[in-house]
Amino acid sequence: MSDSLTTVINTFPDGTWQTKRAVAERDLVFVHGHRILDPKEKGFSIVNIFRFEGEKICEQWTVGQRIPDVSLNENPIF
């Protein structure tokens, strides 16, 4: 487990992660999920993108957005 993931787990012991979808194509894997750090909040929509060389992750990007209290449209975030 990475040091940053260990830090998140130790800092937010009640936090949760729910994978909503995962897509793999050639050397790329995309994982879209719902991260809640505090059960009293709606949390974040997170996308992790991984690029592989063989069996090793050689690049990783993360983008996210806090889930708003009010949406500007009728489309769900997940």
PDB file of N, CA and C in Angstrom:
ATOM      1  N   MET A   1       0.853  -1.169   0.000  1.00  0.00           N
ATOM      2  CA  MET A   1       0.000   0.000   0.000  1.00  0.00           C
ATOM      3  C   MET A   1       0.898   1.230   0.000  1.00  0.00           C
ATOM      4  N   SER A   2       0.504   2.249  -0.761  1.00  0.00           N
ATOM      5  CA  SER A   2       1.323   3.455  -0.851  1.00  0.00           C
ATOM      6  C   SER A   2       1.252   4.259   0.441  1.00  0.00           C
ATOM      7  N   ASP A   3       2.269   5.078   0.677  1.00  0.00           N
ATOM      8  CA  ASP A   3       2.292   5.930   1.866  1.00  0.00           C
ATOM      9  C   ASP A   3       1.119   6.898   1.871  1.00  0.00           C
ATOM     10  N   SER A   4       0.760   7.449   0.705  1.00  0.00           N
ATOM     11  CA  SER A   4      -0.341   8.413   0.663  1.00  0.00           C
ATOM     12  C   SER A   4      -1.671   7.740   0.984  1.00  0.00           C
ATOM     13  N   LEU A   5      -1.886   6.524   0.502  1.00  0.00           N
ATOM     14  CA  LEU A   5      -3.121   5.812   0.812  1.00  0.00           C
ATOM     15  C   LEU A   5      -3.173   5.453   2.295  1.00  0.00           C
ATOM     16  N   THR A   6      -2.064   5.051   2.863  1.00  0.00           N
ATOM     17  CA  THR A   6      -1.996   4.760   4.296  1.00  0.00           C
ATOM     18  C   THR A   6      -2.334   6.008   5.107  1.00  0.00           C
ATOM     19  N   THR A   7      -1.822   7.159   4.693  1.00  0.00           N
ATOM     20  CA  THR A   7      -2.105   8.419   5.387  1.00  0.00           C
ATOM     21  C   THR A   7      -3.590   8.740   5.341  1.00  0.00           C
ATOM     22  N   VAL A   8      -4.231   8.587   4.180  1.00  0.00           N
ATOM     23  CA  VAL A   8      -5.672   8.853   4.052  1.00  0.00           C
ATOM     24  C   VAL A   8      -6.459   7.927   4.974  1.00  0.00           C
ATOM     25  N   ILE A   9      -6.131   6.654   4.966  1.00  0.00           N
ATOM     26  CA  ILE A   9      -6.846   5.677   5.800  1.00  0.00           C
ATOM     27  C   ILE A   9      -6.669   6.000   7.283  1.00  0.00           C
ATOM     28  N   ASN A  10      -5.463   6.373   7.696  1.00  0.00           N
ATOM     29  CA  ASN A  10      -5.207   6.700   9.103  1.00  0.00           C
ATOM     30  C   ASN A  10      -5.862   8.023   9.503  1.00  0.00           C
ATOM     31  N   THR A  11      -5.901   8.992   8.585  1.00  0.00           N
ATOM     32  CA  THR A  11      -6.482  10.301   8.878  1.00  0.00           C
ATOM     33  C   THR A  11      -8.005  10.259   8.887  1.00  0.00           C
ATOM     34  N   PHE A  12      -8.589   9.434   8.007  1.00  0.00           N
ATOM     35  CA  PHE A  12     -10.040   9.341   7.870  1.00  0.00           C
ATOM     36  C   PHE A  12     -10.482   7.880   8.044  1.00  0.00           C
ATOM     37  N   PRO A  13     -10.421   7.357   9.278  1.00  0.00           N
ATOM     38  CA  PRO A  13     -10.723   5.937   9.493  1.00  0.00           C
ATOM     39  C   PRO A  13     -12.165   5.548   9.139  1.00  0.00           C
ATOM     40  N   ASP A  14     -13.091   6.518   9.113  1.00  0.00           N
ATOM     41  CA  ASP A  14     -14.482   6.224   8.754  1.00  0.00           C
ATOM     42  C   ASP A  14     -14.748   6.464   7.274  1.00  0.00           C
ATOM     43  N   GLY A  15     -13.701   6.778   6.516  1.00  0.00           N
ATOM     44  CA  GLY A  15     -13.851   7.047   5.093  1.00  0.00           C
ATOM     45  C   GLY A  15     -14.188   5.782   4.305  1.00  0.00           C
ATOM     46  N   THR A  16     -14.830   6.000   3.151  1.00  0.00           N
ATOM     47  CA  THR A  16     -15.204   4.869   2.301  1.00  0.00           C
ATOM     48  C   THR A  16     -14.865   5.168   0.846  1.00  0.00           C
ATOM     49  N   TRP A  17     -14.754   4.122   0.060  1.00  0.00           N
ATOM     50  CA  TRP A  17     -14.554   4.203  -1.386  1.00  0.00           C
ATOM     51  C   TRP A  17     -15.501   3.207  -2.032  1.00  0.00           C
ATOM     52  N   GLN A  18     -16.230   3.657  -3.039  1.00  0.00           N
ATOM     53  CA  GLN A  18     -17.087   2.768  -3.809  1.00  0.00           C
ATOM     54  C   GLN A  18     -16.758   2.963  -5.285  1.00  0.00           C
ATOM     55  N   THR A  19     -16.268   1.906  -5.920  1.00  0.00           N
ATOM     56  CA  THR A  19     -15.982   1.971  -7.354  1.00  0.00           C
ATOM     57  C   THR A  19     -17.299   1.965  -8.114  1.00  0.00           C
ATOM     58  N   LYS A  20     -17.458   2.945  -8.997  1.00  0.00           N
ATOM     59  CA  LYS A  20     -18.676   3.045  -9.806  1.00  0.00           C
ATOM     60  C   LYS A  20     -18.480   2.406 -11.178  1.00  0.00           C
ATOM     61  N   ARG A  21     -17.293   2.574 -11.765  1.00  0.00           N
ATOM     62  CA  ARG A  21     -16.992   1.947 -13.051  1.00  0.00           C
ATOM     63  C   ARG A  21     -15.487   1.890 -13.233  1.00  0.00           C
ATOM     64  N   ALA A  22     -15.059   0.912 -14.018  1.00  0.00           N
ATOM     65  CA  ALA A  22     -13.645   0.759 -14.360  1.00  0.00           C
ATOM     66  C   ALA A  22     -13.569   0.354 -15.827  1.00  0.00           C
ATOM     67  N   VAL A  23     -12.644   0.969 -16.552  1.00  0.00           N
ATOM     68  CA  VAL A  23     -12.476   0.701 -17.976  1.00  0.00           C
ATOM     69  C   VAL A  23     -10.993   0.482 -18.248  1.00  0.00           C
ATOM     70  N   ALA A  24     -10.689  -0.555 -19.003  1.00  0.00           N
ATOM     71  CA  ALA A  24      -9.306  -0.831 -19.402  1.00  0.00           C
ATOM     72  C   ALA A  24      -9.243  -0.885 -20.916  1.00  0.00           C
ATOM     73  N   GLU A  25      -8.259  -0.184 -21.474  1.00  0.00           N
ATOM     74  CA  GLU A  25      -8.045  -0.202 -22.921  1.00  0.00           C
ATOM     75  C   GLU A  25      -6.548  -0.087 -23.177  1.00  0.00           C
ATOM     76  N   ARG A  26      -6.014  -1.106 -23.842  1.00  0.00           N
ATOM     77  CA  ARG A  26      -4.571  -1.201 -24.096  1.00  0.00           C
ATOM     78  C   ARG A  26      -3.790  -0.998 -22.796  1.00  0.00           C
ATOM     79  N   ASP A  27      -2.978   0.055 -22.696  1.00  0.00           N
ATOM     80  CA  ASP A  27      -2.139   0.240 -21.508  1.00  0.00           C
ATOM     81  C   ASP A  27      -2.746   1.209 -20.492  1.00  0.00           C
ATOM     82  N   LEU A  28      -4.034   1.576 -20.654  1.00  0.00           N
ATOM     83  CA  LEU A  28      -4.684   2.526 -19.748  1.00  0.00           C
ATOM     84  C   LEU A  28      -5.820   1.874 -18.979  1.00  0.00           C
ATOM     85  N   VAL A  29      -5.950   2.271 -17.709  1.00  0.00           N
ATOM     86  CA  VAL A  29      -7.069   1.841 -16.877  1.00  0.00           C
ATOM     87  C   VAL A  29      -7.644   3.096 -16.214  1.00  0.00           C
ATOM     88  N   PHE A  30      -8.970   3.249 -16.310  1.00  0.00           N
ATOM     89  CA  PHE A  30      -9.689   4.367 -15.703  1.00  0.00           C
ATOM     90  C   PHE A  30     -10.604   3.809 -14.623  1.00  0.00           C
ATOM     91  N   VAL A  31     -10.560   4.403 -13.428  1.00  0.00           N
ATOM     92  CA  VAL A  31     -11.427   3.971 -12.333  1.00  0.00           C
ATOM     93  C   VAL A  31     -12.171   5.203 -11.817  1.00  0.00           C
ATOM     94  N   HIS A  32     -13.509   5.154 -11.883  1.00  0.00           N
ATOM     95  CA  HIS A  32     -14.358   6.244 -11.396  1.00  0.00           C
ATOM     96  C   HIS A  32     -15.006   5.773 -10.111  1.00  0.00           C
ATOM     97  N   GLY A  33     -14.896   6.588  -9.072  1.00  0.00           N
ATOM     98  CA  GLY A  33     -15.446   6.154  -7.800  1.00  0.00           C
ATOM     99  C   GLY A  33     -15.964   7.281  -6.940  1.00  0.00           C
ATOM    100  N   HIS A  34     -16.576   6.889  -5.851  1.00  0.00           N
ATOM    101  CA  HIS A  34     -17.151   7.804  -4.870  1.00  0.00           C
ATOM    102  C   HIS A  34     -16.336   7.691  -3.581  1.00  0.00           C
ATOM    103  N   ARG A  35     -15.644   8.757  -3.235  1.00  0.00           N
ATOM    104  CA  ARG A  35     -14.820   8.803  -2.016  1.00  0.00           C
ATOM    105  C   ARG A  35     -15.539   9.652  -0.984  1.00  0.00           C
ATOM    106  N   ILE A  36     -15.784   9.065   0.180  1.00  0.00           N
ATOM    107  CA  ILE A  36     -16.337   9.809   1.315  1.00  0.00           C
ATOM    108  C   ILE A  36     -15.302   9.749   2.432  1.00  0.00           C
ATOM    109  N   LEU A  37     -14.846  10.915   2.871  1.00  0.00           N
ATOM    110  CA  LEU A  37     -13.879  10.981   3.963  1.00  0.00           C
ATOM    111  C   LEU A  37     -14.596  11.115   5.306  1.00  0.00           C
ATOM    112  N   ASP A  38     -15.679  11.893   5.327  1.00  0.00           N
ATOM    113  CA  ASP A  38     -16.473  12.126   6.528  1.00  0.00           C
ATOM    114  C   ASP A  38     -17.899  11.681   6.233  1.00  0.00           C
ATOM    115  N   PRO A  39     -18.447  10.715   6.980  1.00  0.00           N
ATOM    116  CA  PRO A  39     -19.793  10.207   6.702  1.00  0.00           C
ATOM    117  C   PRO A  39     -20.889  11.281   6.739  1.00  0.00           C
ATOM    118  N   LYS A  40     -20.606  12.453   7.299  1.00  0.00           N
ATOM    119  CA  LYS A  40     -21.596  13.532   7.350  1.00  0.00           C
ATOM    120  C   LYS A  40     -21.607  14.354   6.061  1.00  0.00           C
ATOM    121  N   GLU A  41     -20.692  14.078   5.142  1.00  0.00           N
ATOM    122  CA  GLU A  41     -20.595  14.837   3.895  1.00  0.00           C
ATOM    123  C   GLU A  41     -20.907  13.939   2.702  1.00  0.00           C
ATOM    124  N   LYS A  42     -21.206  14.568   1.543  1.00  0.00           N
ATOM    125  CA  LYS A  42     -21.527  13.818   0.322  1.00  0.00           C
ATOM    126  C   LYS A  42     -20.284  13.219  -0.326  1.00  0.00           C
ATOM    127  N   GLY A  43     -19.136  13.811  -0.088  1.00  0.00           N
ATOM    128  CA  GLY A  43     -17.892  13.257  -0.605  1.00  0.00           C
ATOM    129  C   GLY A  43     -17.491  13.816  -1.955  1.00  0.00           C
ATOM    130  N   PHE A  44     -16.741  13.012  -2.716  1.00  0.00           N
ATOM    131  CA  PHE A  44     -16.130  13.440  -3.965  1.00  0.00           C
ATOM    132  C   PHE A  44     -16.358  12.407  -5.058  1.00  0.00           C
ATOM    133  N   SER A  45     -16.444  12.883  -6.272  1.00  0.00           N
ATOM    134  CA  SER A  45     -16.372  12.027  -7.450  1.00  0.00           C
ATOM    135  C   SER A  45     -14.907  12.044  -7.880  1.00  0.00           C
ATOM    136  N   ILE A  46     -14.290  10.883  -7.955  1.00  0.00           N
ATOM    137  CA  ILE A  46     -12.854  10.779  -8.243  1.00  0.00           C
ATOM    138  C   ILE A  46     -12.642   9.899  -9.468  1.00  0.00           C
ATOM    139  N   VAL A  47     -11.731  10.305 -10.329  1.00  0.00           N
ATOM    140  CA  VAL A  47     -11.294   9.472 -11.448  1.00  0.00           C
ATOM    141  C   VAL A  47      -9.789   9.281 -11.328  1.00  0.00           C
ATOM    142  N   ASN A  48      -9.370   8.029 -11.272  1.00  0.00           N
ATOM    143  CA  ASN A  48      -7.950   7.685 -11.295  1.00  0.00           C
ATOM    144  C   ASN A  48      -7.645   7.088 -12.661  1.00  0.00           C
ATOM    145  N   ILE A  49      -6.562   7.545 -13.260  1.00  0.00           N
ATOM    146  CA  ILE A  49      -6.130   7.052 -14.563  1.00  0.00           C
ATOM    147  C   ILE A  49      -4.727   6.482 -14.389  1.00  0.00           C
ATOM    148  N   PHE A  50      -4.550   5.246 -14.824  1.00  0.00           N
ATOM    149  CA  PHE A  50      -3.267   4.564 -14.701  1.00  0.00           C
ATOM    150  C   PHE A  50      -2.768   4.179 -16.086  1.00  0.00           C
ATOM    151  N   ARG A  51      -1.468   4.366 -16.324  1.00  0.00           N
ATOM    152  CA  ARG A  51      -0.852   3.861 -17.548  1.00  0.00           C
ATOM    153  C   ARG A  51       0.174   2.813 -17.144  1.00  0.00           C
ATOM    154  N   PHE A  52       0.109   1.675 -17.801  1.00  0.00           N
ATOM    155  CA  PHE A  52       0.967   0.542 -17.473  1.00  0.00           C
ATOM    156  C   PHE A  52       2.046   0.334 -18.519  1.00  0.00           C
ATOM    157  N   GLU A  53       3.175  -0.120 -18.058  1.00  0.00           N
ATOM    158  CA  GLU A  53       4.222  -0.682 -18.914  1.00  0.00           C
ATOM    159  C   GLU A  53       4.431  -2.095 -18.393  1.00  0.00           C
ATOM    160  N   GLY A  54       3.966  -3.053 -19.157  1.00  0.00           N
ATOM    161  CA  GLY A  54       3.988  -4.435 -18.671  1.00  0.00           C
ATOM    162  C   GLY A  54       3.030  -4.554 -17.505  1.00  0.00           C
ATOM    163  N   GLU A  55       3.514  -5.061 -16.390  1.00  0.00           N
ATOM    164  CA  GLU A  55       2.675  -5.242 -15.201  1.00  0.00           C
ATOM    165  C   GLU A  55       2.850  -4.118 -14.178  1.00  0.00           C
ATOM    166  N   LYS A  56       3.581  -3.068 -14.537  1.00  0.00           N
ATOM    167  CA  LYS A  56       3.863  -1.991 -13.588  1.00  0.00           C
ATOM    168  C   LYS A  56       3.160  -0.706 -13.992  1.00  0.00           C
ATOM    169  N   ILE A  57       2.656   0.019 -12.984  1.00  0.00           N
ATOM    170  CA  ILE A  57       2.091   1.343 -13.218  1.00  0.00           C
ATOM    171  C   ILE A  57       3.252   2.298 -13.431  1.00  0.00           C
ATOM    172  N   CYS A  58       3.280   2.958 -14.580  1.00  0.00           N
ATOM    173  CA  CYS A  58       4.371   3.899 -14.836  1.00  0.00           C
ATOM    174  C   CYS A  58       3.902   5.353 -14.752  1.00  0.00           C
ATOM    175  N   GLU A  59       2.590   5.595 -14.860  1.00  0.00           N
ATOM    176  CA  GLU A  59       2.035   6.937 -14.682  1.00  0.00           C
ATOM    177  C   GLU A  59       0.680   6.798 -14.011  1.00  0.00           C
ATOM    178  N   GLN A  60       0.317   7.817 -13.206  1.00  0.00           N
ATOM    179  CA  GLN A  60      -0.968   7.814 -12.527  1.00  0.00           C
ATOM    180  C   GLN A  60      -1.425   9.252 -12.372  1.00  0.00           C
ATOM    181  N   TRP A  61      -2.695   9.502 -12.709  1.00  0.00           N
ATOM    182  CA  TRP A  61      -3.290  10.822 -12.546  1.00  0.00           C
ATOM    183  C   TRP A  61      -4.575  10.672 -11.759  1.00  0.00           C
ATOM    184  N   THR A  62      -4.912  11.698 -10.992  1.00  0.00           N
ATOM    185  CA  THR A  62      -6.167  11.706 -10.244  1.00  0.00           C
ATOM    186  C   THR A  62      -6.846  13.052 -10.455  1.00  0.00           C
ATOM    187  N   VAL A  63      -8.133  13.013 -10.775  1.00  0.00           N
ATOM    188  CA  VAL A  63      -8.942  14.224 -10.850  1.00  0.00           C
ATOM    189  C   VAL A  63     -10.183  13.998 -10.006  1.00  0.00           C
ATOM    190  N   GLY A  64     -10.685  15.061  -9.404  1.00  0.00           N
ATOM    191  CA  GLY A  64     -11.858  14.893  -8.566  1.00  0.00           C
ATOM    192  C   GLY A  64     -12.636  16.172  -8.401  1.00  0.00           C
ATOM    193  N   GLN A  65     -13.848  15.996  -7.926  1.00  0.00           N
ATOM    194  CA  GLN A  65     -14.697  17.144  -7.653  1.00  0.00           C
ATOM    195  C   GLN A  65     -15.577  16.828  -6.462  1.00  0.00           C
ATOM    196  N   ARG A  66     -15.707  17.813  -5.596  1.00  0.00           N
ATOM    197  CA  ARG A  66     -16.614  17.665  -4.452  1.00  0.00           C
ATOM    198  C   ARG A  66     -18.036  17.547  -5.001  1.00  0.00           C
ATOM    199  N   ILE A  67     -18.828  16.669  -4.429  1.00  0.00           N
ATOM    200  CA  ILE A  67     -20.207  16.514  -4.864  1.00  0.00           C
ATOM    201  C   ILE A  67     -21.001  17.706  -4.330  1.00  0.00           C
ATOM    202  N   PRO A  68     -21.607  18.482  -5.238  1.00  0.00           N
ATOM    203  CA  PRO A  68     -22.312  19.696  -4.794  1.00  0.00           C
ATOM    204  C   PRO A  68     -23.604  19.365  -4.057  1.00  0.00           C
ATOM    205  N   ASP A  69     -24.021  20.275  -3.183  1.00  0.00           N
ATOM    206  CA  ASP A  69     -25.287  20.110  -2.478  1.00  0.00           C
ATOM    207  C   ASP A  69     -26.463  20.246  -3.442  1.00  0.00           C
ATOM    208  N   VAL A  70     -26.301  21.123  -4.441  1.00  0.00           N
ATOM    209  CA  VAL A  70     -27.357  21.361  -5.423  1.00  0.00           C
ATOM    210  C   VAL A  70     -26.746  21.235  -6.809  1.00  0.00           C
ATOM    211  N   SER A  71     -27.382  20.446  -7.673  1.00  0.00           N
ATOM    212  CA  SER A  71     -26.903  20.274  -9.042  1.00  0.00           C
ATOM    213  C   SER A  71     -27.542  21.319  -9.950  1.00  0.00           C
ATOM    214  N   LEU A  72     -26.793  21.759 -10.962  1.00  0.00           N
ATOM    215  CA  LEU A  72     -27.320  22.723 -11.924  1.00  0.00           C
ATOM    216  C   LEU A  72     -28.145  22.051 -13.010  1.00  0.00           C
ATOM    217  N   ASN A  73     -28.175  20.715 -13.008  1.00  0.00           N
ATOM    218  CA  ASN A  73     -28.981  19.984 -13.982  1.00  0.00           C
ATOM    219  C   ASN A  73     -29.538  18.716 -13.330  1.00  0.00           C
ATOM    220  N   GLU A  74     -30.289  17.938 -14.110  1.00  0.00           N
ATOM    221  CA  GLU A  74     -30.926  16.730 -13.564  1.00  0.00           C
ATOM    222  C   GLU A  74     -30.051  15.490 -13.678  1.00  0.00           C
ATOM    223  N   ASN A  75     -28.871  15.602 -14.290  1.00  0.00           N
ATOM    224  CA  ASN A  75     -28.002  14.438 -14.486  1.00  0.00           C
ATOM    225  C   ASN A  75     -27.276  14.091 -13.192  1.00  0.00           C
ATOM    226  N   PRO A  76     -27.330  12.835 -12.791  1.00  0.00           N
ATOM    227  CA  PRO A  76     -26.617  12.434 -11.574  1.00  0.00           C
ATOM    228  C   PRO A  76     -25.105  12.427 -11.801  1.00  0.00           C
ATOM    229  N   ILE A  77     -24.356  12.616 -10.742  1.00  0.00           N
ATOM    230  CA  ILE A  77     -22.887  12.636 -10.847  1.00  0.00           C
ATOM    231  C   ILE A  77     -22.342  11.212 -11.041  1.00  0.00           C
ATOM    232  N   PHE A  78     -23.097  10.206 -10.627  1.00  0.00           N
ATOM    233  CA  PHE A  78     -22.671   8.817 -10.791  1.00  0.00           C
ATOM    234  C   PHE A  78     -23.648   8.089 -11.680  1.00  0.00           C
TER     235      PHE A  78
END
